[in-house]
Every structure is written in C-alpha cells, then in structure tokens.
Amino acid sequence: MLQASTIDIERAALVLKLLGDKTRLNMMKILDIQSCCVCEFVEMFQMSQPAISQHLRKLKDMGLVKEEKRGQWVFYSVNKENDYYPFVKQILDQLPSQEEKIKNLEKKGLRISCC
C-alpha cells in the first residue's frame, strides 16, 4: 500500500528510530494483528513490567499505539488512524509473523486472563 502524499522526513526519522528497537518492532508487528495487555508482553519478551510499559509509552507518545481500558485491563493496539501508519505498515509487512508468540501464551493459559 503506497501513501499518496509524502511524509515529513524529520517525523519519519523519529518513527524509524523508535522502530529501530527490536522489542518495539516486535510489539508493533504483534499489535498490528492482535491487541495485547502489558502482562502478555511481559511473558512474551521475559522483561519486567516497567520495561514493557516504557516501550509502550514511547510508541503511544508517537501516536503509533493506542490504549483501551477493558475492565481492570488496558489493551494496546496499533493506531491505524495515525498519519504514519501506512509508512509503518510497509515495514511491518516485510517482517516475519509473530503469531507464534500469541500461540505460546495461549498454550500456557496466559492469554488475556494473566492480569
């Protein structure tokens, strides 16, 4: 999918720098197809909750990720309304599927109910 208009090079550089982190890039790939809560990412990446929250905050601050509160849980997903989503989507489409991480959570019984 090609974007009709060009994007600001400074903003594009910020987006690329943000996605230059392997964890955030993985998160974006997962969130492009599936919303997740922090606790699921903690299990997937074997990282602390504060570290996962920092990654998500950076993605949210750039507007690439949005959050939705459902009961006691906050779920994150890709903000497909963001002006830079078409640009990011082209990158994400080149990456291998991360669905195995979701399937592993389900096998462990940690999908969504883990919080």
PDB file of N, CA and C in Angstrom:
ATOM      1  N   MET A   1       0.839  -1.158   0.000  1.00  0.00           N
ATOM      2  CA  MET A   1       0.000   0.000   0.000  1.00  0.00           C
ATOM      3  C   MET A   1       0.897   1.238   0.000  1.00  0.00           C
ATOM      4  N   LEU A   2       0.781   2.057  -0.983  1.00  0.00           N
ATOM      5  CA  LEU A   2       1.584   3.264  -1.058  1.00  0.00           C
ATOM      6  C   LEU A   2       0.777   4.457  -0.592  1.00  0.00           C
ATOM      7  N   GLN A   3       1.398   5.312   0.126  1.00  0.00           N
ATOM      8  CA  GLN A   3       0.756   6.515   0.620  1.00  0.00           C
ATOM      9  C   GLN A   3       0.784   7.557  -0.488  1.00  0.00           C
ATOM     10  N   ALA A   4      -0.326   8.238  -0.682  1.00  0.00           N
ATOM     11  CA  ALA A   4      -0.447   9.201  -1.767  1.00  0.00           C
ATOM     12  C   ALA A   4       0.458  10.414  -1.559  1.00  0.00           C
ATOM     13  N   SER A   5       0.567  10.877  -0.332  1.00  0.00           N
ATOM     14  CA  SER A   5       1.381  12.060  -0.084  1.00  0.00           C
ATOM     15  C   SER A   5       2.689  11.669   0.597  1.00  0.00           C
ATOM     16  N   THR A   6       3.629  12.584   0.538  1.00  0.00           N
ATOM     17  CA  THR A   6       4.912  12.326   1.187  1.00  0.00           C
ATOM     18  C   THR A   6       4.788  12.650   2.665  1.00  0.00           C
ATOM     19  N   ILE A   7       5.711  12.103   3.439  1.00  0.00           N
ATOM     20  CA  ILE A   7       5.698  12.369   4.872  1.00  0.00           C
ATOM     21  C   ILE A   7       6.910  13.211   5.237  1.00  0.00           C
ATOM     22  N   ASP A   8       6.782  13.924   6.322  1.00  0.00           N
ATOM     23  CA  ASP A   8       7.852  14.781   6.812  1.00  0.00           C
ATOM     24  C   ASP A   8       9.065  13.924   7.174  1.00  0.00           C
ATOM     25  N   ILE A   9      10.218  14.285   6.648  1.00  0.00           N
ATOM     26  CA  ILE A   9      11.422  13.469   6.848  1.00  0.00           C
ATOM     27  C   ILE A   9      11.867  13.433   8.309  1.00  0.00           C
ATOM     28  N   GLU A  10      11.660  14.529   9.030  1.00  0.00           N
ATOM     29  CA  GLU A  10      12.037  14.562  10.446  1.00  0.00           C
ATOM     30  C   GLU A  10      11.185  13.583  11.249  1.00  0.00           C
ATOM     31  N   ARG A  11       9.875  13.591  10.982  1.00  0.00           N
ATOM     32  CA  ARG A  11       8.968  12.669  11.678  1.00  0.00           C
ATOM     33  C   ARG A  11       9.267  11.226  11.270  1.00  0.00           C
ATOM     34  N   ALA A  12       9.521  11.021   9.993  1.00  0.00           N
ATOM     35  CA  ALA A  12       9.845   9.676   9.506  1.00  0.00           C
ATOM     36  C   ALA A  12      11.096   9.153  10.210  1.00  0.00           C
ATOM     37  N   ALA A  13      12.078  10.015  10.392  1.00  0.00           N
ATOM     38  CA  ALA A  13      13.312   9.615  11.076  1.00  0.00           C
ATOM     39  C   ALA A  13      13.024   9.233  12.529  1.00  0.00           C
ATOM     40  N   LEU A  14      12.134   9.980  13.183  1.00  0.00           N
ATOM     41  CA  LEU A  14      11.762   9.657  14.563  1.00  0.00           C
ATOM     42  C   LEU A  14      11.051   8.303  14.638  1.00  0.00           C
ATOM     43  N   VAL A  15      10.150   8.061  13.690  1.00  0.00           N
ATOM     44  CA  VAL A  15       9.435   6.786  13.649  1.00  0.00           C
ATOM     45  C   VAL A  15      10.419   5.635  13.428  1.00  0.00           C
ATOM     46  N   LEU A  16      11.339   5.822  12.492  1.00  0.00           N
ATOM     47  CA  LEU A  16      12.320   4.769  12.211  1.00  0.00           C
ATOM     48  C   LEU A  16      13.238   4.523  13.403  1.00  0.00           C
ATOM     49  N   LYS A  17      13.604   5.600  14.087  1.00  0.00           N
ATOM     50  CA  LYS A  17      14.446   5.445  15.278  1.00  0.00           C
ATOM     51  C   LYS A  17      13.696   4.667  16.361  1.00  0.00           C
ATOM     52  N   LEU A  18      12.424   4.981  16.526  1.00  0.00           N
ATOM     53  CA  LEU A  18      11.591   4.292  17.501  1.00  0.00           C
ATOM     54  C   LEU A  18      11.465   2.807  17.158  1.00  0.00           C
ATOM     55  N   LEU A  19      11.299   2.504  15.889  1.00  0.00           N
ATOM     56  CA  LEU A  19      11.155   1.118  15.443  1.00  0.00           C
ATOM     57  C   LEU A  19      12.503   0.415  15.305  1.00  0.00           C
ATOM     58  N   GLY A  20      13.583   1.144  15.497  1.00  0.00           N
ATOM     59  CA  GLY A  20      14.921   0.554  15.450  1.00  0.00           C
ATOM     60  C   GLY A  20      15.205  -0.346  16.641  1.00  0.00           C
ATOM     61  N   ASP A  21      14.356  -0.274  17.651  1.00  0.00           N
ATOM     62  CA  ASP A  21      14.484  -1.155  18.806  1.00  0.00           C
ATOM     63  C   ASP A  21      13.745  -2.460  18.505  1.00  0.00           C
ATOM     64  N   LYS A  22      14.432  -3.569  18.661  1.00  0.00           N
ATOM     65  CA  LYS A  22      13.876  -4.886  18.316  1.00  0.00           C
ATOM     66  C   LYS A  22      12.588  -5.199  19.087  1.00  0.00           C
ATOM     67  N   THR A  23      12.559  -4.872  20.359  1.00  0.00           N
ATOM     68  CA  THR A  23      11.361  -5.151  21.162  1.00  0.00           C
ATOM     69  C   THR A  23      10.175  -4.350  20.660  1.00  0.00           C
ATOM     70  N   ARG A  24      10.371  -3.057  20.421  1.00  0.00           N
ATOM     71  CA  ARG A  24       9.264  -2.227  19.933  1.00  0.00           C
ATOM     72  C   ARG A  24       8.814  -2.664  18.544  1.00  0.00           C
ATOM     73  N   LEU A  25       9.755  -3.057  17.705  1.00  0.00           N
ATOM     74  CA  LEU A  25       9.399  -3.530  16.366  1.00  0.00           C
ATOM     75  C   LEU A  25       8.561  -4.805  16.467  1.00  0.00           C
ATOM     76  N   ASN A  26       8.970  -5.722  17.336  1.00  0.00           N
ATOM     77  CA  ASN A  26       8.185  -6.937  17.577  1.00  0.00           C
ATOM     78  C   ASN A  26       6.802  -6.603  18.111  1.00  0.00           C
ATOM     79  N   MET A  27       6.748  -5.682  19.048  1.00  0.00           N
ATOM     80  CA  MET A  27       5.457  -5.276  19.617  1.00  0.00           C
ATOM     81  C   MET A  27       4.531  -4.739  18.530  1.00  0.00           C
ATOM     82  N   MET A  28       5.064  -3.888  17.688  1.00  0.00           N
ATOM     83  CA  MET A  28       4.253  -3.309  16.610  1.00  0.00           C
ATOM     84  C   MET A  28       3.748  -4.381  15.662  1.00  0.00           C
ATOM     85  N   LYS A  29       4.576  -5.348  15.341  1.00  0.00           N
ATOM     86  CA  LYS A  29       4.166  -6.445  14.457  1.00  0.00           C
ATOM     87  C   LYS A  29       3.023  -7.225  15.092  1.00  0.00           C
ATOM     88  N   ILE A  30       3.142  -7.522  16.379  1.00  0.00           N
ATOM     89  CA  ILE A  30       2.092  -8.253  17.095  1.00  0.00           C
ATOM     90  C   ILE A  30       0.823  -7.412  17.186  1.00  0.00           C
ATOM     91  N   LEU A  31       0.973  -6.148  17.569  1.00  0.00           N
ATOM     92  CA  LEU A  31      -0.188  -5.281  17.756  1.00  0.00           C
ATOM     93  C   LEU A  31      -0.893  -4.937  16.452  1.00  0.00           C
ATOM     94  N   ASP A  32      -0.220  -5.128  15.347  1.00  0.00           N
ATOM     95  CA  ASP A  32      -0.859  -4.853  14.058  1.00  0.00           C
ATOM     96  C   ASP A  32      -1.972  -5.866  13.773  1.00  0.00           C
ATOM     97  N   ILE A  33      -1.886  -7.030  14.391  1.00  0.00           N
ATOM     98  CA  ILE A  33      -2.913  -8.052  14.153  1.00  0.00           C
ATOM     99  C   ILE A  33      -3.706  -8.410  15.404  1.00  0.00           C
ATOM    100  N   GLN A  34      -3.180  -8.046  16.587  1.00  0.00           N
ATOM    101  CA  GLN A  34      -3.788  -8.506  17.835  1.00  0.00           C
ATOM    102  C   GLN A  34      -3.548  -7.492  18.940  1.00  0.00           C
ATOM    103  N   SER A  35      -4.589  -7.106  19.667  1.00  0.00           N
ATOM    104  CA  SER A  35      -4.363  -6.230  20.813  1.00  0.00           C
ATOM    105  C   SER A  35      -3.838  -7.070  21.977  1.00  0.00           C
ATOM    106  N   CYS A  36      -3.023  -6.451  22.818  1.00  0.00           N
ATOM    107  CA  CYS A  36      -2.400  -7.150  23.952  1.00  0.00           C
ATOM    108  C   CYS A  36      -2.352  -6.238  25.160  1.00  0.00           C
ATOM    109  N   CYS A  37      -2.256  -6.857  26.328  1.00  0.00           N
ATOM    110  CA  CYS A  37      -2.041  -6.075  27.547  1.00  0.00           C
ATOM    111  C   CYS A  37      -0.567  -6.199  27.959  1.00  0.00           C
ATOM    112  N   VAL A  38      -0.160  -5.346  28.857  1.00  0.00           N
ATOM    113  CA  VAL A  38       1.230  -5.314  29.307  1.00  0.00           C
ATOM    114  C   VAL A  38       1.677  -6.678  29.825  1.00  0.00           C
ATOM    115  N   CYS A  39       0.813  -7.319  30.609  1.00  0.00           N
ATOM    116  CA  CYS A  39       1.194  -8.602  31.216  1.00  0.00           C
ATOM    117  C   CYS A  39       1.506  -9.657  30.154  1.00  0.00           C
ATOM    118  N   GLU A  40       0.834  -9.599  29.016  1.00  0.00           N
ATOM    119  CA  GLU A  40       1.119 -10.553  27.944  1.00  0.00           C
ATOM    120  C   GLU A  40       2.500 -10.296  27.348  1.00  0.00           C
ATOM    121  N   PHE A  41       2.833  -9.028  27.165  1.00  0.00           N
ATOM    122  CA  PHE A  41       4.162  -8.692  26.655  1.00  0.00           C
ATOM    123  C   PHE A  41       5.257  -9.066  27.657  1.00  0.00           C
ATOM    124  N   VAL A  42       4.969  -8.916  28.945  1.00  0.00           N
ATOM    125  CA  VAL A  42       5.932  -9.306  29.975  1.00  0.00           C
ATOM    126  C   VAL A  42       6.296 -10.771  29.791  1.00  0.00           C
ATOM    127  N   GLU A  43       5.291 -11.602  29.583  1.00  0.00           N
ATOM    128  CA  GLU A  43       5.517 -13.036  29.393  1.00  0.00           C
ATOM    129  C   GLU A  43       6.207 -13.317  28.052  1.00  0.00           C
ATOM    130  N   MET A  44       5.748 -12.684  26.986  1.00  0.00           N
ATOM    131  CA  MET A  44       6.317 -12.934  25.654  1.00  0.00           C
ATOM    132  C   MET A  44       7.797 -12.605  25.575  1.00  0.00           C
ATOM    133  N   PHE A  45       8.148 -11.449  26.125  1.00  0.00           N
ATOM    134  CA  PHE A  45       9.515 -10.953  25.985  1.00  0.00           C
ATOM    135  C   PHE A  45      10.395 -11.232  27.213  1.00  0.00           C
ATOM    136  N   GLN A  46       9.790 -11.820  28.262  1.00  0.00           N
ATOM    137  CA  GLN A  46      10.519 -12.107  29.501  1.00  0.00           C
ATOM    138  C   GLN A  46      11.256 -10.856  29.987  1.00  0.00           C
ATOM    139  N   MET A  47      10.490  -9.766  30.058  1.00  0.00           N
ATOM    140  CA  MET A  47      11.014  -8.481  30.533  1.00  0.00           C
ATOM    141  C   MET A  47      10.141  -8.013  31.697  1.00  0.00           C
ATOM    142  N   SER A  48      10.642  -7.067  32.448  1.00  0.00           N
ATOM    143  CA  SER A  48       9.870  -6.537  33.575  1.00  0.00           C
ATOM    144  C   SER A  48       8.694  -5.694  33.068  1.00  0.00           C
ATOM    145  N   GLN A  49       7.696  -5.573  33.920  1.00  0.00           N
ATOM    146  CA  GLN A  49       6.531  -4.760  33.572  1.00  0.00           C
ATOM    147  C   GLN A  49       6.915  -3.300  33.330  1.00  0.00           C
ATOM    148  N   PRO A  50       7.788  -2.701  34.162  1.00  0.00           N
ATOM    149  CA  PRO A  50       8.183  -1.314  33.889  1.00  0.00           C
ATOM    150  C   PRO A  50       8.887  -1.148  32.531  1.00  0.00           C
ATOM    151  N   ALA A  51       9.719  -2.116  32.148  1.00  0.00           N
ATOM    152  CA  ALA A  51      10.413  -2.026  30.857  1.00  0.00           C
ATOM    153  C   ALA A  51       9.406  -2.106  29.703  1.00  0.00           C
ATOM    154  N   ILE A  52       8.453  -3.019  29.796  1.00  0.00           N
ATOM    155  CA  ILE A  52       7.423  -3.146  28.759  1.00  0.00           C
ATOM    156  C   ILE A  52       6.597  -1.866  28.693  1.00  0.00           C
ATOM    157  N   SER A  53       6.224  -1.352  29.844  1.00  0.00           N
ATOM    158  CA  SER A  53       5.426  -0.118  29.889  1.00  0.00           C
ATOM    159  C   SER A  53       6.163   1.053  29.252  1.00  0.00           C
ATOM    160  N   GLN A  54       7.468   1.134  29.451  1.00  0.00           N
ATOM    161  CA  GLN A  54       8.271   2.203  28.826  1.00  0.00           C
ATOM    162  C   GLN A  54       8.235   2.094  27.303  1.00  0.00           C
ATOM    163  N   HIS A  55       8.390   0.876  26.789  1.00  0.00           N
ATOM    164  CA  HIS A  55       8.328   0.678  25.334  1.00  0.00           C
ATOM    165  C   HIS A  55       6.966   1.110  24.794  1.00  0.00           C
ATOM    166  N   LEU A  56       5.913   0.687  25.471  1.00  0.00           N
ATOM    167  CA  LEU A  56       4.563   1.039  25.020  1.00  0.00           C
ATOM    168  C   LEU A  56       4.316   2.539  25.131  1.00  0.00           C
ATOM    169  N   ARG A  57       4.843   3.164  26.175  1.00  0.00           N
ATOM    170  CA  ARG A  57       4.670   4.616  26.329  1.00  0.00           C
ATOM    171  C   ARG A  57       5.306   5.362  25.164  1.00  0.00           C
ATOM    172  N   LYS A  58       6.499   4.932  24.753  1.00  0.00           N
ATOM    173  CA  LYS A  58       7.178   5.587  23.634  1.00  0.00           C
ATOM    174  C   LYS A  58       6.374   5.433  22.352  1.00  0.00           C
ATOM    175  N   LEU A  59       5.830   4.251  22.124  1.00  0.00           N
ATOM    176  CA  LEU A  59       5.005   4.027  20.933  1.00  0.00           C
ATOM    177  C   LEU A  59       3.721   4.843  21.002  1.00  0.00           C
ATOM    178  N   LYS A  60       3.157   4.935  22.194  1.00  0.00           N
ATOM    179  CA  LYS A  60       1.927   5.714  22.380  1.00  0.00           C
ATOM    180  C   LYS A  60       2.191   7.211  22.214  1.00  0.00           C
ATOM    181  N   ASP A  61       3.300   7.690  22.773  1.00  0.00           N
ATOM    182  CA  ASP A  61       3.651   9.108  22.656  1.00  0.00           C
ATOM    183  C   ASP A  61       3.803   9.532  21.203  1.00  0.00           C
ATOM    184  N   MET A  62       4.262   8.633  20.353  1.00  0.00           N
ATOM    185  CA  MET A  62       4.411   8.922  18.929  1.00  0.00           C
ATOM    186  C   MET A  62       3.073   8.769  18.202  1.00  0.00           C
ATOM    187  N   GLY A  63       2.088   8.233  18.899  1.00  0.00           N
ATOM    188  CA  GLY A  63       0.767   8.053  18.305  1.00  0.00           C
ATOM    189  C   GLY A  63       0.626   6.775  17.495  1.00  0.00           C
ATOM    190  N   LEU A  64       1.637   5.901  17.557  1.00  0.00           N
ATOM    191  CA  LEU A  64       1.591   4.663  16.776  1.00  0.00           C
ATOM    192  C   LEU A  64       0.730   3.602  17.439  1.00  0.00           C
ATOM    193  N   VAL A  65       0.552   3.724  18.756  1.00  0.00           N
ATOM    194  CA  VAL A  65      -0.201   2.747  19.524  1.00  0.00           C
ATOM    195  C   VAL A  65      -1.276   3.489  20.312  1.00  0.00           C
ATOM    196  N   LYS A  66      -2.412   2.852  20.465  1.00  0.00           N
ATOM    197  CA  LYS A  66      -3.478   3.415  21.295  1.00  0.00           C
ATOM    198  C   LYS A  66      -3.829   2.397  22.370  1.00  0.00           C
ATOM    199  N   GLU A  67      -4.466   2.887  23.423  1.00  0.00           N
ATOM    200  CA  GLU A  67      -4.844   2.005  24.514  1.00  0.00           C
ATOM    201  C   GLU A  67      -6.346   2.067  24.725  1.00  0.00           C
ATOM    202  N   GLU A  68      -6.877   0.948  25.219  1.00  0.00           N
ATOM    203  CA  GLU A  68      -8.305   0.864  25.504  1.00  0.00           C
ATOM    204  C   GLU A  68      -8.471   0.119  26.819  1.00  0.00           C
ATOM    205  N   LYS A  69      -9.161   0.733  27.746  1.00  0.00           N
ATOM    206  CA  LYS A  69      -9.389   0.104  29.045  1.00  0.00           C
ATOM    207  C   LYS A  69     -10.610  -0.809  28.938  1.00  0.00           C
ATOM    208  N   ARG A  70     -10.407  -2.064  29.346  1.00  0.00           N
ATOM    209  CA  ARG A  70     -11.498  -3.049  29.393  1.00  0.00           C
ATOM    210  C   ARG A  70     -11.493  -3.663  30.788  1.00  0.00           C
ATOM    211  N   GLY A  71     -12.388  -3.196  31.610  1.00  0.00           N
ATOM    212  CA  GLY A  71     -12.399  -3.666  32.998  1.00  0.00           C
ATOM    213  C   GLY A  71     -11.130  -3.220  33.691  1.00  0.00           C
ATOM    214  N   GLN A  72     -10.424  -4.159  34.301  1.00  0.00           N
ATOM    215  CA  GLN A  72      -9.180  -3.815  35.009  1.00  0.00           C
ATOM    216  C   GLN A  72      -7.975  -3.814  34.088  1.00  0.00           C
ATOM    217  N   TRP A  73      -8.145  -4.234  32.846  1.00  0.00           N
ATOM    218  CA  TRP A  73      -7.028  -4.357  31.924  1.00  0.00           C
ATOM    219  C   TRP A  73      -6.978  -3.203  30.940  1.00  0.00           C
ATOM    220  N   VAL A  74      -5.777  -2.878  30.507  1.00  0.00           N
ATOM    221  CA  VAL A  74      -5.573  -1.897  29.443  1.00  0.00           C
ATOM    222  C   VAL A  74      -4.961  -2.662  28.279  1.00  0.00           C
ATOM    223  N   PHE A  75      -5.642  -2.609  27.155  1.00  0.00           N
ATOM    224  CA  PHE A  75      -5.167  -3.291  25.964  1.00  0.00           C
ATOM    225  C   PHE A  75      -4.597  -2.286  24.980  1.00  0.00           C
ATOM    226  N   TYR A  76      -3.516  -2.669  24.344  1.00  0.00           N
ATOM    227  CA  TYR A  76      -2.839  -1.827  23.373  1.00  0.00           C
ATOM    228  C   TYR A  76      -3.040  -2.405  21.982  1.00  0.00           C
ATOM    229  N   SER A  77      -3.156  -1.509  21.012  1.00  0.00           N
ATOM    230  CA  SER A  77      -3.267  -1.919  19.612  1.00  0.00           C
ATOM    231  C   SER A  77      -2.636  -0.836  18.746  1.00  0.00           C
ATOM    232  N   VAL A  78      -2.367  -1.179  17.499  1.00  0.00           N
ATOM    233  CA  VAL A  78      -1.795  -0.211  16.570  1.00  0.00           C
ATOM    234  C   VAL A  78      -2.858   0.834  16.239  1.00  0.00           C
ATOM    235  N   ASN A  79      -2.451   2.073  16.228  1.00  0.00           N
ATOM    236  CA  ASN A  79      -3.345   3.173  15.856  1.00  0.00           C
ATOM    237  C   ASN A  79      -3.319   3.320  14.336  1.00  0.00           C
ATOM    238  N   LYS A  80      -4.247   2.671  13.682  1.00  0.00           N
ATOM    239  CA  LYS A  80      -4.278   2.671  12.220  1.00  0.00           C
ATOM    240  C   LYS A  80      -4.758   3.993  11.642  1.00  0.00           C
ATOM    241  N   GLU A  81      -5.190   4.905  12.510  1.00  0.00           N
ATOM    242  CA  GLU A  81      -5.604   6.248  12.085  1.00  0.00           C
ATOM    243  C   GLU A  81      -4.417   7.225  12.066  1.00  0.00           C
ATOM    244  N   ASN A  82      -3.291   6.813  12.623  1.00  0.00           N
ATOM    245  CA  ASN A  82      -2.106   7.663  12.665  1.00  0.00           C
ATOM    246  C   ASN A  82      -1.633   7.967  11.245  1.00  0.00           C
ATOM    247  N   ASP A  83      -1.211   9.191  11.015  1.00  0.00           N
ATOM    248  CA  ASP A  83      -0.748   9.607   9.682  1.00  0.00           C
ATOM    249  C   ASP A  83       0.409   8.758   9.174  1.00  0.00           C
ATOM    250  N   TYR A  84       1.182   8.195  10.091  1.00  0.00           N
ATOM    251  CA  TYR A  84       2.365   7.432   9.695  1.00  0.00           C
ATOM    252  C   TYR A  84       2.105   5.929   9.600  1.00  0.00           C
ATOM    253  N   TYR A  85       0.860   5.521   9.868  1.00  0.00           N
ATOM    254  CA  TYR A  85       0.567   4.086   9.805  1.00  0.00           C
ATOM    255  C   TYR A  85       0.870   3.480   8.429  1.00  0.00           C
ATOM    256  N   PRO A  86       0.487   4.107   7.320  1.00  0.00           N
ATOM    257  CA  PRO A  86       0.820   3.493   6.022  1.00  0.00           C
ATOM    258  C   PRO A  86       2.329   3.285   5.837  1.00  0.00           C
ATOM    259  N   PHE A  87       3.110   4.211   6.336  1.00  0.00           N
ATOM    260  CA  PHE A  87       4.566   4.124   6.280  1.00  0.00           C
ATOM    261  C   PHE A  87       5.055   2.948   7.137  1.00  0.00           C
ATOM    262  N   VAL A  88       4.545   2.869   8.363  1.00  0.00           N
ATOM    263  CA  VAL A  88       4.915   1.794   9.287  1.00  0.00           C
ATOM    264  C   VAL A  88       4.422   0.447   8.761  1.00  0.00           C
ATOM    265  N   LYS A  89       3.224   0.425   8.212  1.00  0.00           N
ATOM    266  CA  LYS A  89       2.635  -0.817   7.711  1.00  0.00           C
ATOM    267  C   LYS A  89       3.519  -1.458   6.641  1.00  0.00           C
ATOM    268  N   GLN A  90       4.116  -0.634   5.790  1.00  0.00           N
ATOM    269  CA  GLN A  90       5.013  -1.169   4.753  1.00  0.00           C
ATOM    270  C   GLN A  90       6.205  -1.895   5.385  1.00  0.00           C
ATOM    271  N   ILE A  91       6.686  -1.384   6.494  1.00  0.00           N
ATOM    272  CA  ILE A  91       7.802  -2.020   7.206  1.00  0.00           C
ATOM    273  C   ILE A  91       7.318  -3.315   7.860  1.00  0.00           C
ATOM    274  N   LEU A  92       6.192  -3.247   8.568  1.00  0.00           N
ATOM    275  CA  LEU A  92       5.673  -4.411   9.278  1.00  0.00           C
ATOM    276  C   LEU A  92       5.363  -5.567   8.329  1.00  0.00           C
ATOM    277  N   ASP A  93       4.893  -5.237   7.146  1.00  0.00           N
ATOM    278  CA  ASP A  93       4.552  -6.279   6.167  1.00  0.00           C
ATOM    279  C   ASP A  93       5.770  -7.059   5.685  1.00  0.00           C
ATOM    280  N   GLN A  94       6.952  -6.508   5.873  1.00  0.00           N
ATOM    281  CA  GLN A  94       8.186  -7.184   5.454  1.00  0.00           C
ATOM    282  C   GLN A  94       8.741  -8.121   6.522  1.00  0.00           C
ATOM    283  N   LEU A  95       8.169  -8.073   7.715  1.00  0.00           N
ATOM    284  CA  LEU A  95       8.680  -8.847   8.846  1.00  0.00           C
ATOM    285  C   LEU A  95       7.985 -10.204   8.964  1.00  0.00           C
ATOM    286  N   PRO A  96       8.682 -11.190   9.533  1.00  0.00           N
ATOM    287  CA  PRO A  96       8.049 -12.499   9.735  1.00  0.00           C
ATOM    288  C   PRO A  96       6.921 -12.416  10.768  1.00  0.00           C
ATOM    289  N   SER A  97       5.970 -13.308  10.647  1.00  0.00           N
ATOM    290  CA  SER A  97       4.841 -13.365  11.567  1.00  0.00           C
ATOM    291  C   SER A  97       5.331 -13.571  13.001  1.00  0.00           C
ATOM    292  N   GLN A  98       4.625 -12.977  13.923  1.00  0.00           N
ATOM    293  CA  GLN A  98       4.921 -13.149  15.353  1.00  0.00           C
ATOM    294  C   GLN A  98       3.787 -13.897  16.046  1.00  0.00           C
ATOM    295  N   GLU A  99       2.912 -14.532  15.251  1.00  0.00           N
ATOM    296  CA  GLU A  99       1.754 -15.224  15.815  1.00  0.00           C
ATOM    297  C   GLU A  99       2.143 -16.354  16.757  1.00  0.00           C
ATOM    298  N   GLU A 100       3.324 -16.916  16.586  1.00  0.00           N
ATOM    299  CA  GLU A 100       3.770 -17.993  17.462  1.00  0.00           C
ATOM    300  C   GLU A 100       3.854 -17.518  18.910  1.00  0.00           C
ATOM    301  N   LYS A 101       4.212 -16.266  19.123  1.00  0.00           N
ATOM    302  CA  LYS A 101       4.281 -15.722  20.485  1.00  0.00           C
ATOM    303  C   LYS A 101       2.895 -15.724  21.135  1.00  0.00           C
ATOM    304  N   ILE A 102       1.870 -15.381  20.365  1.00  0.00           N
ATOM    305  CA  ILE A 102       0.494 -15.393  20.864  1.00  0.00           C
ATOM    306  C   ILE A 102       0.063 -16.837  21.144  1.00  0.00           C
ATOM    307  N   LYS A 103       0.372 -17.736  20.238  1.00  0.00           N
ATOM    308  CA  LYS A 103       0.005 -19.149  20.412  1.00  0.00           C
ATOM    309  C   LYS A 103       0.670 -19.740  21.654  1.00  0.00           C
ATOM    310  N   ASN A 104       1.918 -19.363  21.908  1.00  0.00           N
ATOM    311  CA  ASN A 104       2.618 -19.853  23.098  1.00  0.00           C
ATOM    312  C   ASN A 104       1.940 -19.370  24.380  1.00  0.00           C
ATOM    313  N   LEU A 105       1.474 -18.121  24.374  1.00  0.00           N
ATOM    314  CA  LEU A 105       0.733 -17.603  25.535  1.00  0.00           C
ATOM    315  C   LEU A 105      -0.531 -18.408  25.758  1.00  0.00           C
ATOM    316  N   GLU A 106      -1.235 -18.685  24.660  1.00  0.00           N
ATOM    317  CA  GLU A 106      -2.482 -19.451  24.761  1.00  0.00           C
ATOM    318  C   GLU A 106      -2.216 -20.845  25.309  1.00  0.00           C
ATOM    319  N   LYS A 107      -1.145 -21.489  24.835  1.00  0.00           N
ATOM    320  CA  LYS A 107      -0.793 -22.832  25.322  1.00  0.00           C
ATOM    321  C   LYS A 107      -0.517 -22.836  26.814  1.00  0.00           C
ATOM    322  N   LYS A 108       0.096 -21.748  27.295  1.00  0.00           N
ATOM    323  CA  LYS A 108       0.422 -21.635  28.724  1.00  0.00           C
ATOM    324  C   LYS A 108      -0.781 -21.190  29.547  1.00  0.00           C
ATOM    325  N   GLY A 109      -1.870 -20.846  28.878  1.00  0.00           N
ATOM    326  CA  GLY A 109      -3.053 -20.353  29.585  1.00  0.00           C
ATOM    327  C   GLY A 109      -2.890 -18.939  30.095  1.00  0.00           C
ATOM    328  N   LEU A 110      -2.002 -18.167  29.458  1.00  0.00           N
ATOM    329  CA  LEU A 110      -1.715 -16.807  29.925  1.00  0.00           C
ATOM    330  C   LEU A 110      -2.296 -15.716  29.030  1.00  0.00           C
ATOM    331  N   ARG A 111      -3.086 -16.099  28.075  1.00  0.00           N
ATOM    332  CA  ARG A 111      -3.661 -15.117  27.150  1.00  0.00           C
ATOM    333  C   ARG A 111      -4.790 -14.351  27.829  1.00  0.00           C
ATOM    334  N   ILE A 112      -4.659 -13.063  27.916  1.00  0.00           N
ATOM    335  CA  ILE A 112      -5.614 -12.085  28.433  1.00  0.00           C
ATOM    336  C   ILE A 112      -5.914 -12.263  29.921  1.00  0.00           C
ATOM    337  N   SER A 113      -6.190 -13.445  30.391  1.00  0.00           N
ATOM    338  CA  SER A 113      -6.562 -13.647  31.791  1.00  0.00           C
ATOM    339  C   SER A 113      -5.375 -13.578  32.741  1.00  0.00           C
ATOM    340  N   CYS A 114      -4.193 -13.287  32.206  1.00  0.00           N
ATOM    341  CA  CYS A 114      -2.995 -13.309  33.040  1.00  0.00           C
ATOM    342  C   CYS A 114      -2.883 -12.137  33.985  1.00  0.00           C
ATOM    343  N   CYS A 115      -3.627 -11.100  33.777  1.00  0.00           N
ATOM    344  CA  CYS A 115      -3.504  -9.916  34.645  1.00  0.00           C
ATOM    345  C   CYS A 115      -4.290 -10.108  35.909  1.00  0.00           C
TER     346      CYS A 115
END
